[in-house]
Amino acid sequence: MYNHFVDLTSAIGGSFVVLPAASAAGTGMELVFKDVSGNATISNQEIRAASGDRIDGATNMLLNINYQSKAIHSDGGTNWWIH
């Protein structure tokens, strides 16, 4: 299992990151995203799934609460699951 912490700093108008393919990440890879700037309510942080992948059935997830964090892990196929 691999664990990675990703600091997200809100830019005016929000920002986004694209996940690696779940199949490339491998089974059990965990990523933790954190709004470290504390501005997510006014500048959402978007985490997007790679083409063909899903995050709990969706193509993206948002951090939209100040200082919010979310952890996800890969199933090694096409899914990322939110903890």
Protein backbone atom coordinates (compact mmCIF):
# COMPACT_ATOMS: atom_id res chain seq x y z
CA MET A 1 0.00 0.00 0.00
CA TYR A 2 1.25 3.47 -0.85
CA ASN A 3 0.12 6.58 1.01
CA HIS A 4 0.49 10.11 -0.27
CA PHE A 5 -0.61 13.45 1.19
CA VAL A 6 -1.52 16.15 -1.33
CA ASP A 7 -1.57 19.78 -0.15
CA LEU A 8 -4.07 21.82 -2.16
CA THR A 9 -3.88 25.59 -2.10
CA SER A 10 -6.97 27.38 -3.37
CA ALA A 11 -6.47 29.70 -6.29
CA ILE A 12 -8.96 32.44 -7.06
CA GLY A 13 -11.71 30.74 -9.02
CA GLY A 14 -10.73 27.31 -7.68
CA SER A 15 -8.31 24.70 -8.93
CA PHE A 16 -8.23 21.05 -9.92
CA VAL A 17 -5.97 18.02 -10.08
CA VAL A 18 -6.39 14.90 -12.22
CA LEU A 19 -5.82 11.53 -10.59
CA PRO A 20 -3.62 8.89 -12.16
CA ALA A 21 -5.53 5.97 -13.63
CA ALA A 22 -6.61 3.63 -10.83
CA SER A 23 -5.14 0.70 -12.75
CA ALA A 24 -1.75 2.43 -12.94
CA ALA A 25 -1.90 3.41 -9.27
CA GLY A 26 -2.41 -0.20 -8.26
CA THR A 27 -4.58 -1.84 -5.65
CA GLY A 28 -4.49 -0.09 -2.29
CA MET A 29 -2.79 3.17 -3.27
CA GLU A 30 -4.13 5.83 -0.93
CA LEU A 31 -4.19 9.56 -1.56
CA VAL A 32 -5.19 12.15 1.03
CA PHE A 33 -6.18 15.62 -0.20
CA LYS A 34 -6.25 18.63 2.13
CA ASP A 35 -7.30 22.26 1.61
CA VAL A 36 -4.29 23.77 3.35
CA SER A 37 -5.15 27.38 2.45
CA GLY A 38 -8.54 27.32 4.20
CA ASN A 39 -10.32 28.95 1.26
CA ALA A 40 -12.25 26.01 -0.20
CA THR A 41 -15.68 27.54 0.50
CA ILE A 42 -14.92 30.42 -1.86
CA SER A 43 -12.50 28.60 -4.20
CA ASN A 44 -13.44 24.92 -4.50
CA GLN A 45 -10.74 22.31 -4.99
CA GLU A 46 -11.75 19.72 -7.59
CA ILE A 47 -10.21 16.26 -7.85
CA ARG A 48 -10.96 14.66 -11.23
CA ALA A 49 -10.81 10.98 -12.14
CA ALA A 50 -8.74 9.92 -15.13
CA SER A 51 -10.70 9.17 -18.29
CA GLY A 52 -12.82 6.05 -17.76
CA ASP A 53 -12.29 5.99 -13.99
CA ARG A 54 -14.72 6.89 -11.21
CA ILE A 55 -14.51 8.28 -7.69
CA ASP A 56 -17.36 6.63 -5.75
CA GLY A 57 -19.25 6.41 -9.05
CA ALA A 58 -18.64 10.05 -10.04
CA THR A 59 -16.09 11.63 -12.37
CA ASN A 60 -14.91 14.08 -9.70
CA MET A 61 -15.03 15.06 -6.03
CA LEU A 62 -14.86 18.47 -4.42
CA LEU A 63 -13.24 19.96 -1.38
CA ASN A 64 -15.62 22.84 -0.66
CA ILE A 65 -15.31 23.30 3.10
CA ASN A 66 -12.41 25.27 4.56
CA TYR A 67 -9.55 22.98 5.68
CA GLN A 68 -11.47 19.92 4.51
CA SER A 69 -9.63 16.71 3.72
CA LYS A 70 -10.67 13.54 1.91
CA ALA A 71 -8.87 10.23 1.57
CA ILE A 72 -9.35 7.88 -1.37
CA HIS A 73 -7.88 4.55 -2.35
CA SER A 74 -7.56 2.68 -5.64
CA ASP A 75 -9.05 -0.73 -6.33
CA GLY A 76 -6.43 -1.29 -9.03
CA GLY A 77 -9.09 -1.31 -11.73
CA THR A 78 -11.17 1.74 -12.63
CA ASN A 79 -12.30 2.94 -9.23
CA TRP A 80 -11.17 5.26 -6.47
CA TRP A 81 -13.11 4.88 -3.22
CA ILE A 82 -13.59 7.68 -0.68
CA HIS A 83 -12.92 6.63 2.93
